[in-house]
Amino acid sequence: MICPEGFTVNEAGDGCIPNEFECPEGQIINAKRTACVPAPGSPVPFPFLIFSIILCLLVLGSYIKDKFFTKVYSNLIALLSF
């Protein structure tokens, strides 16, 4: 595969990726040079943190109310599906 100037062939050999990424402030390029990811030590976005806490309380509440494992597993699957 031939890529235009300023691009290189990706590891799979089926596409071109830019030699230089311009990531927003607080983000860096990942190891495979395919996307921008949060930089180490960057803060967790506030809405994500609140959402995670609410889901954890939901799972804990359902476990306390009814300790039947099916309900706990159902909540965990719902949590992981996001």
PDB file of N, CA and C in Angstrom:
ATOM      1  N   MET A   1       0.843  -1.175   0.000  1.00  0.00           N
ATOM      2  CA  MET A   1       0.000   0.000   0.000  1.00  0.00           C
ATOM      3  C   MET A   1       0.885   1.234   0.000  1.00  0.00           C
ATOM      4  N   ILE A   2       0.506   2.202  -0.773  1.00  0.00           N
ATOM      5  CA  ILE A   2       1.259   3.455  -0.856  1.00  0.00           C
ATOM      6  C   ILE A   2       0.433   4.549  -0.177  1.00  0.00           C
ATOM      7  N   CYS A   3       1.078   5.276   0.731  1.00  0.00           N
ATOM      8  CA  CYS A   3       0.401   6.352   1.461  1.00  0.00           C
ATOM      9  C   CYS A   3       0.912   7.702   0.970  1.00  0.00           C
ATOM     10  N   PRO A   4       0.078   8.744   1.056  1.00  0.00           N
ATOM     11  CA  PRO A   4       0.517  10.073   0.660  1.00  0.00           C
ATOM     12  C   PRO A   4       1.598  10.604   1.606  1.00  0.00           C
ATOM     13  N   GLU A   5       2.233  11.677   1.214  1.00  0.00           N
ATOM     14  CA  GLU A   5       3.286  12.289   2.027  1.00  0.00           C
ATOM     15  C   GLU A   5       2.706  12.712   3.374  1.00  0.00           C
ATOM     16  N   GLY A   6       3.429  12.432   4.449  1.00  0.00           N
ATOM     17  CA  GLY A   6       2.972  12.768   5.792  1.00  0.00           C
ATOM     18  C   GLY A   6       2.206  11.643   6.457  1.00  0.00           C
ATOM     19  N   PHE A   7       2.061  10.504   5.766  1.00  0.00           N
ATOM     20  CA  PHE A   7       1.342   9.356   6.302  1.00  0.00           C
ATOM     21  C   PHE A   7       2.212   8.110   6.190  1.00  0.00           C
ATOM     22  N   THR A   8       1.943   7.120   7.069  1.00  0.00           N
ATOM     23  CA  THR A   8       2.613   5.830   6.993  1.00  0.00           C
ATOM     24  C   THR A   8       1.552   4.728   7.034  1.00  0.00           C
ATOM     25  N   VAL A   9       1.913   3.544   6.576  1.00  0.00           N
ATOM     26  CA  VAL A   9       0.992   2.415   6.573  1.00  0.00           C
ATOM     27  C   VAL A   9       0.808   1.927   8.010  1.00  0.00           C
ATOM     28  N   ASN A  10      -0.448   1.616   8.395  1.00  0.00           N
ATOM     29  CA  ASN A  10      -0.704   1.122   9.749  1.00  0.00           C
ATOM     30  C   ASN A  10      -0.190  -0.302   9.909  1.00  0.00           C
ATOM     31  N   GLU A  11      -0.231  -0.819  11.154  1.00  0.00           N
ATOM     32  CA  GLU A  11       0.318  -2.151  11.440  1.00  0.00           C
ATOM     33  C   GLU A  11      -0.404  -3.253  10.674  1.00  0.00           C
ATOM     34  N   ALA A  12      -1.699  -3.107  10.470  1.00  0.00           N
ATOM     35  CA  ALA A  12      -2.469  -4.129   9.754  1.00  0.00           C
ATOM     36  C   ALA A  12      -2.190  -4.086   8.255  1.00  0.00           C
ATOM     37  N   GLY A  13      -1.633  -2.977   7.780  1.00  0.00           N
ATOM     38  CA  GLY A  13      -1.319  -2.842   6.364  1.00  0.00           C
ATOM     39  C   GLY A  13      -2.511  -2.524   5.489  1.00  0.00           C
ATOM     40  N   ASP A  14      -3.616  -2.107   6.111  1.00  0.00           N
ATOM     41  CA  ASP A  14      -4.807  -1.827   5.310  1.00  0.00           C
ATOM     42  C   ASP A  14      -5.235  -0.368   5.330  1.00  0.00           C
ATOM     43  N   GLY A  15      -4.384   0.518   5.833  1.00  0.00           N
ATOM     44  CA  GLY A  15      -4.740   1.934   5.868  1.00  0.00           C
ATOM     45  C   GLY A  15      -3.544   2.796   6.173  1.00  0.00           C
ATOM     46  N   CYS A  16      -3.744   4.097   6.067  1.00  0.00           N
ATOM     47  CA  CYS A  16      -2.679   5.068   6.332  1.00  0.00           C
ATOM     48  C   CYS A  16      -3.015   5.867   7.583  1.00  0.00           C
ATOM     49  N   ILE A  17      -1.988   6.164   8.367  1.00  0.00           N
ATOM     50  CA  ILE A  17      -2.153   6.998   9.548  1.00  0.00           C
ATOM     51  C   ILE A  17      -1.194   8.174   9.443  1.00  0.00           C
ATOM     52  N   PRO A  18      -1.597   9.338   9.975  1.00  0.00           N
ATOM     53  CA  PRO A  18      -0.705  10.503   9.895  1.00  0.00           C
ATOM     54  C   PRO A  18       0.555  10.307  10.734  1.00  0.00           C
ATOM     55  N   ASN A  19       1.656  10.874  10.249  1.00  0.00           N
ATOM     56  CA  ASN A  19       2.917  10.793  11.001  1.00  0.00           C
ATOM     57  C   ASN A  19       2.840  11.601  12.283  1.00  0.00           C
ATOM     58  N   GLU A  20       2.106  12.697  12.252  1.00  0.00           N
ATOM     59  CA  GLU A  20       1.975  13.550  13.425  1.00  0.00           C
ATOM     60  C   GLU A  20       0.502  13.764  13.718  1.00  0.00           C
ATOM     61  N   PHE A  21       0.116  13.514  14.953  1.00  0.00           N
ATOM     62  CA  PHE A  21      -1.249  13.763  15.398  1.00  0.00           C
ATOM     63  C   PHE A  21      -1.279  15.080  16.146  1.00  0.00           C
ATOM     64  N   GLU A  22      -2.359  15.795  16.033  1.00  0.00           N
ATOM     65  CA  GLU A  22      -2.563  16.995  16.843  1.00  0.00           C
ATOM     66  C   GLU A  22      -3.660  16.656  17.848  1.00  0.00           C
ATOM     67  N   CYS A  23      -3.245  16.289  19.049  1.00  0.00           N
ATOM     68  CA  CYS A  23      -4.200  15.919  20.083  1.00  0.00           C
ATOM     69  C   CYS A  23      -4.550  17.158  20.909  1.00  0.00           C
ATOM     70  N   PRO A  24      -5.792  17.222  21.407  1.00  0.00           N
ATOM     71  CA  PRO A  24      -6.171  18.329  22.281  1.00  0.00           C
ATOM     72  C   PRO A  24      -5.326  18.336  23.555  1.00  0.00           C
ATOM     73  N   GLU A  25      -5.320  19.453  24.239  1.00  0.00           N
ATOM     74  CA  GLU A  25      -4.553  19.586  25.474  1.00  0.00           C
ATOM     75  C   GLU A  25      -5.033  18.567  26.496  1.00  0.00           C
ATOM     76  N   GLY A  26      -4.113  17.897  27.160  1.00  0.00           N
ATOM     77  CA  GLY A  26      -4.448  16.880  28.149  1.00  0.00           C
ATOM     78  C   GLY A  26      -4.559  15.492  27.562  1.00  0.00           C
ATOM     79  N   GLN A  27      -4.298  15.355  26.250  1.00  0.00           N
ATOM     80  CA  GLN A  27      -4.349  14.049  25.612  1.00  0.00           C
ATOM     81  C   GLN A  27      -3.047  13.801  24.859  1.00  0.00           C
ATOM     82  N   ILE A  28      -2.727  12.502  24.676  1.00  0.00           N
ATOM     83  CA  ILE A  28      -1.539  12.105  23.932  1.00  0.00           C
ATOM     84  C   ILE A  28      -1.933  11.031  22.929  1.00  0.00           C
ATOM     85  N   ILE A  29      -1.047  10.751  22.004  1.00  0.00           N
ATOM     86  CA  ILE A  29      -1.297   9.707  21.004  1.00  0.00           C
ATOM     87  C   ILE A  29      -1.052   8.339  21.642  1.00  0.00           C
ATOM     88  N   ASN A  30      -1.882   7.352  21.329  1.00  0.00           N
ATOM     89  CA  ASN A  30      -1.697   6.023  21.917  1.00  0.00           C
ATOM     90  C   ASN A  30      -0.493   5.318  21.285  1.00  0.00           C
ATOM     91  N   ALA A  31      -0.123   4.159  21.848  1.00  0.00           N
ATOM     92  CA  ALA A  31       1.076   3.439  21.406  1.00  0.00           C
ATOM     93  C   ALA A  31       0.989   2.994  19.949  1.00  0.00           C
ATOM     94  N   LYS A  32      -0.205   2.669  19.475  1.00  0.00           N
ATOM     95  CA  LYS A  32      -0.359   2.230  18.085  1.00  0.00           C
ATOM     96  C   LYS A  32      -0.508   3.401  17.117  1.00  0.00           C
ATOM     97  N   ARG A  33      -0.491   4.615  17.661  1.00  0.00           N
ATOM     98  CA  ARG A  33      -0.608   5.842  16.862  1.00  0.00           C
ATOM     99  C   ARG A  33      -1.898   5.853  16.029  1.00  0.00           C
ATOM    100  N   THR A  34      -3.005   5.499  16.689  1.00  0.00           N
ATOM    101  CA  THR A  34      -4.276   5.471  15.981  1.00  0.00           C
ATOM    102  C   THR A  34      -5.306   6.441  16.549  1.00  0.00           C
ATOM    103  N   ALA A  35      -5.095   6.933  17.781  1.00  0.00           N
ATOM    104  CA  ALA A  35      -6.084   7.819  18.390  1.00  0.00           C
ATOM    105  C   ALA A  35      -5.465   8.598  19.544  1.00  0.00           C
ATOM    106  N   CYS A  36      -6.132   9.678  19.911  1.00  0.00           N
ATOM    107  CA  CYS A  36      -5.731  10.456  21.078  1.00  0.00           C
ATOM    108  C   CYS A  36      -6.411   9.870  22.312  1.00  0.00           C
ATOM    109  N   VAL A  37      -5.642   9.733  23.386  1.00  0.00           N
ATOM    110  CA  VAL A  37      -6.157   9.197  24.640  1.00  0.00           C
ATOM    111  C   VAL A  37      -5.778  10.147  25.768  1.00  0.00           C
ATOM    112  N   PRO A  38      -6.503  10.106  26.917  1.00  0.00           N
ATOM    113  CA  PRO A  38      -6.144  10.983  28.035  1.00  0.00           C
ATOM    114  C   PRO A  38      -4.712  10.737  28.498  1.00  0.00           C
ATOM    115  N   ALA A  39      -4.009  11.814  28.769  1.00  0.00           N
ATOM    116  CA  ALA A  39      -2.625  11.715  29.244  1.00  0.00           C
ATOM    117  C   ALA A  39      -2.601  11.148  30.656  1.00  0.00           C
ATOM    118  N   PRO A  40      -1.538  10.430  31.025  1.00  0.00           N
ATOM    119  CA  PRO A  40      -1.432   9.910  32.394  1.00  0.00           C
ATOM    120  C   PRO A  40      -1.511  11.051  33.400  1.00  0.00           C
ATOM    121  N   GLY A  41      -2.281  10.843  34.439  1.00  0.00           N
ATOM    122  CA  GLY A  41      -2.432  11.856  35.474  1.00  0.00           C
ATOM    123  C   GLY A  41      -3.490  12.893  35.161  1.00  0.00           C
ATOM    124  N   SER A  42      -4.163  12.777  34.022  1.00  0.00           N
ATOM    125  CA  SER A  42      -5.204  13.750  33.699  1.00  0.00           C
ATOM    126  C   SER A  42      -6.438  13.447  34.541  1.00  0.00           C
ATOM    127  N   PRO A  43      -7.204  14.468  34.884  1.00  0.00           N
ATOM    128  CA  PRO A  43      -8.364  14.256  35.747  1.00  0.00           C
ATOM    129  C   PRO A  43      -9.472  13.485  35.039  1.00  0.00           C
ATOM    130  N   VAL A  44     -10.252  12.746  35.815  1.00  0.00           N
ATOM    131  CA  VAL A  44     -11.399  12.014  35.282  1.00  0.00           C
ATOM    132  C   VAL A  44     -12.521  13.020  35.038  1.00  0.00           C
ATOM    133  N   PRO A  45     -13.157  12.969  33.885  1.00  0.00           N
ATOM    134  CA  PRO A  45     -14.258  13.904  33.643  1.00  0.00           C
ATOM    135  C   PRO A  45     -15.339  13.769  34.708  1.00  0.00           C
ATOM    136  N   PHE A  46     -15.820  14.889  35.210  1.00  0.00           N
ATOM    137  CA  PHE A  46     -16.780  14.914  36.312  1.00  0.00           C
ATOM    138  C   PHE A  46     -18.056  14.123  36.023  1.00  0.00           C
ATOM    139  N   PRO A  47     -18.705  14.280  34.865  1.00  0.00           N
ATOM    140  CA  PRO A  47     -19.932  13.503  34.620  1.00  0.00           C
ATOM    141  C   PRO A  47     -19.689  11.991  34.650  1.00  0.00           C
ATOM    142  N   PHE A  48     -18.564  11.542  34.129  1.00  0.00           N
ATOM    143  CA  PHE A  48     -18.241  10.115  34.152  1.00  0.00           C
ATOM    144  C   PHE A  48     -18.091   9.620  35.584  1.00  0.00           C
ATOM    145  N   LEU A  49     -17.448  10.413  36.419  1.00  0.00           N
ATOM    146  CA  LEU A  49     -17.236  10.034  37.814  1.00  0.00           C
ATOM    147  C   LEU A  49     -18.573   9.912  38.543  1.00  0.00           C
ATOM    148  N   ILE A  50     -19.457  10.872  38.367  1.00  0.00           N
ATOM    149  CA  ILE A  50     -20.770  10.834  39.016  1.00  0.00           C
ATOM    150  C   ILE A  50     -21.575   9.639  38.513  1.00  0.00           C
ATOM    151  N   PHE A  51     -21.560   9.399  37.200  1.00  0.00           N
ATOM    152  CA  PHE A  51     -22.287   8.284  36.612  1.00  0.00           C
ATOM    153  C   PHE A  51     -21.779   6.954  37.173  1.00  0.00           C
ATOM    154  N   SER A  52     -20.467   6.827  37.321  1.00  0.00           N
ATOM    155  CA  SER A  52     -19.886   5.596  37.866  1.00  0.00           C
ATOM    156  C   SER A  52     -20.309   5.370  39.311  1.00  0.00           C
ATOM    157  N   ILE A  53     -20.330   6.420  40.093  1.00  0.00           N
ATOM    158  CA  ILE A  53     -20.734   6.309  41.496  1.00  0.00           C
ATOM    159  C   ILE A  53     -22.200   5.892  41.600  1.00  0.00           C
ATOM    160  N   ILE A  54     -23.057   6.492  40.775  1.00  0.00           N
ATOM    161  CA  ILE A  54     -24.483   6.139  40.792  1.00  0.00           C
ATOM    162  C   ILE A  54     -24.682   4.679  40.421  1.00  0.00           C
ATOM    163  N   LEU A  55     -23.977   4.197  39.393  1.00  0.00           N
ATOM    164  CA  LEU A  55     -24.113   2.793  39.005  1.00  0.00           C
ATOM    165  C   LEU A  55     -23.613   1.858  40.099  1.00  0.00           C
ATOM    166  N   CYS A  56     -22.542   2.222  40.768  1.00  0.00           N
ATOM    167  CA  CYS A  56     -22.043   1.390  41.871  1.00  0.00           C
ATOM    168  C   CYS A  56     -23.066   1.321  43.001  1.00  0.00           C
ATOM    169  N   LEU A  57     -23.706   2.453  43.309  1.00  0.00           N
ATOM    170  CA  LEU A  57     -24.735   2.462  44.347  1.00  0.00           C
ATOM    171  C   LEU A  57     -25.942   1.632  43.937  1.00  0.00           C
ATOM    172  N   LEU A  58     -26.277   1.641  42.647  1.00  0.00           N
ATOM    173  CA  LEU A  58     -27.376   0.834  42.141  1.00  0.00           C
ATOM    174  C   LEU A  58     -27.096  -0.655  42.339  1.00  0.00           C
ATOM    175  N   VAL A  59     -25.894  -1.084  41.999  1.00  0.00           N
ATOM    176  CA  VAL A  59     -25.524  -2.489  42.168  1.00  0.00           C
ATOM    177  C   VAL A  59     -25.513  -2.852  43.654  1.00  0.00           C
ATOM    178  N   LEU A  60     -24.944  -1.998  44.473  1.00  0.00           N
ATOM    179  CA  LEU A  60     -24.901  -2.267  45.915  1.00  0.00           C
ATOM    180  C   LEU A  60     -26.305  -2.322  46.498  1.00  0.00           C
ATOM    181  N   GLY A  61     -27.168  -1.386  46.098  1.00  0.00           N
ATOM    182  CA  GLY A  61     -28.542  -1.358  46.600  1.00  0.00           C
ATOM    183  C   GLY A  61     -29.315  -2.607  46.233  1.00  0.00           C
ATOM    184  N   SER A  62     -29.150  -3.070  44.995  1.00  0.00           N
ATOM    185  CA  SER A  62     -29.879  -4.273  44.588  1.00  0.00           C
ATOM    186  C   SER A  62     -29.341  -5.501  45.317  1.00  0.00           C
ATOM    187  N   TYR A  63     -28.056  -5.516  45.610  1.00  0.00           N
ATOM    188  CA  TYR A  63     -27.476  -6.645  46.341  1.00  0.00           C
ATOM    189  C   TYR A  63     -28.000  -6.682  47.772  1.00  0.00           C
ATOM    190  N   ILE A  64     -28.088  -5.518  48.408  1.00  0.00           N
ATOM    191  CA  ILE A  64     -28.585  -5.452  49.786  1.00  0.00           C
ATOM    192  C   ILE A  64     -30.064  -5.839  49.835  1.00  0.00           C
ATOM    193  N   LYS A  65     -30.837  -5.370  48.861  1.00  0.00           N
ATOM    194  CA  LYS A  65     -32.272  -5.647  48.846  1.00  0.00           C
ATOM    195  C   LYS A  65     -32.563  -7.121  48.582  1.00  0.00           C
ATOM    196  N   ASP A  66     -31.883  -7.689  47.603  1.00  0.00           N
ATOM    197  CA  ASP A  66     -32.149  -9.074  47.206  1.00  0.00           C
ATOM    198  C   ASP A  66     -30.816  -9.719  46.836  1.00  0.00           C
ATOM    199  N   LYS A  67     -30.327 -10.600  47.658  1.00  0.00           N
ATOM    200  CA  LYS A  67     -28.994 -11.167  47.465  1.00  0.00           C
ATOM    201  C   LYS A  67     -28.955 -12.297  46.450  1.00  0.00           C
ATOM    202  N   PHE A  68     -30.001 -12.440  45.694  1.00  0.00           N
ATOM    203  CA  PHE A  68     -30.032 -13.457  44.661  1.00  0.00           C
ATOM    204  C   PHE A  68     -29.052 -13.051  43.555  1.00  0.00           C
ATOM    205  N   PHE A  69     -28.127 -13.920  43.211  1.00  0.00           N
ATOM    206  CA  PHE A  69     -27.024 -13.571  42.328  1.00  0.00           C
ATOM    207  C   PHE A  69     -27.440 -13.132  40.928  1.00  0.00           C
ATOM    208  N   THR A  70     -28.576 -13.602  40.460  1.00  0.00           N
ATOM    209  CA  THR A  70     -29.000 -13.219  39.114  1.00  0.00           C
ATOM    210  C   THR A  70     -29.157 -11.724  39.003  1.00  0.00           C
ATOM    211  N   LYS A  71     -29.704 -11.118  40.021  1.00  0.00           N
ATOM    212  CA  LYS A  71     -29.910  -9.670  39.990  1.00  0.00           C
ATOM    213  C   LYS A  71     -28.568  -8.932  39.992  1.00  0.00           C
ATOM    214  N   VAL A  72     -27.632  -9.408  40.783  1.00  0.00           N
ATOM    215  CA  VAL A  72     -26.312  -8.772  40.830  1.00  0.00           C
ATOM    216  C   VAL A  72     -25.629  -8.904  39.476  1.00  0.00           C
ATOM    217  N   TYR A  73     -25.676 -10.095  38.909  1.00  0.00           N
ATOM    218  CA  TYR A  73     -25.050 -10.294  37.607  1.00  0.00           C
ATOM    219  C   TYR A  73     -25.713  -9.435  36.539  1.00  0.00           C
ATOM    220  N   SER A  74     -27.025  -9.297  36.593  1.00  0.00           N
ATOM    221  CA  SER A  74     -27.727  -8.472  35.612  1.00  0.00           C
ATOM    222  C   SER A  74     -27.270  -7.020  35.693  1.00  0.00           C
ATOM    223  N   ASN A  75     -27.119  -6.516  36.902  1.00  0.00           N
ATOM    224  CA  ASN A  75     -26.659  -5.136  37.071  1.00  0.00           C
ATOM    225  C   ASN A  75     -25.215  -4.972  36.623  1.00  0.00           C
ATOM    226  N   LEU A  76     -24.390  -5.963  36.905  1.00  0.00           N
ATOM    227  CA  LEU A  76     -22.993  -5.868  36.467  1.00  0.00           C
ATOM    228  C   LEU A  76     -22.880  -5.895  34.944  1.00  0.00           C
ATOM    229  N   ILE A  77     -23.691  -6.706  34.311  1.00  0.00           N
ATOM    230  CA  ILE A  77     -23.694  -6.749  32.840  1.00  0.00           C
ATOM    231  C   ILE A  77     -24.147  -5.416  32.279  1.00  0.00           C
ATOM    232  N   ALA A  78     -25.182  -4.829  32.888  1.00  0.00           N
ATOM    233  CA  ALA A  78     -25.642  -3.511  32.447  1.00  0.00           C
ATOM    234  C   ALA A  78     -24.557  -2.459  32.647  1.00  0.00           C
ATOM    235  N   LEU A  79     -23.839  -2.552  33.743  1.00  0.00           N
ATOM    236  CA  LEU A  79     -22.753  -1.619  34.021  1.00  0.00           C
ATOM    237  C   LEU A  79     -21.642  -1.744  32.988  1.00  0.00           C
ATOM    238  N   LEU A  80     -21.273  -2.966  32.651  1.00  0.00           N
ATOM    239  CA  LEU A  80     -20.184  -3.182  31.694  1.00  0.00           C
ATOM    240  C   LEU A  80     -20.591  -2.868  30.255  1.00  0.00           C
ATOM    241  N   SER A  81     -21.875  -2.836  29.973  1.00  0.00           N
ATOM    242  CA  SER A  81     -22.308  -2.587  28.603  1.00  0.00           C
ATOM    243  C   SER A  81     -22.145  -1.136  28.193  1.00  0.00           C
ATOM    244  N   PHE A  82     -21.950  -0.239  29.149  1.00  0.00           N
ATOM    245  CA  PHE A  82     -21.753   1.168  28.806  1.00  0.00           C
ATOM    246  C   PHE A  82     -20.371   1.315  28.332  1.00  0.00           C
TER     247      PHE A  82
END
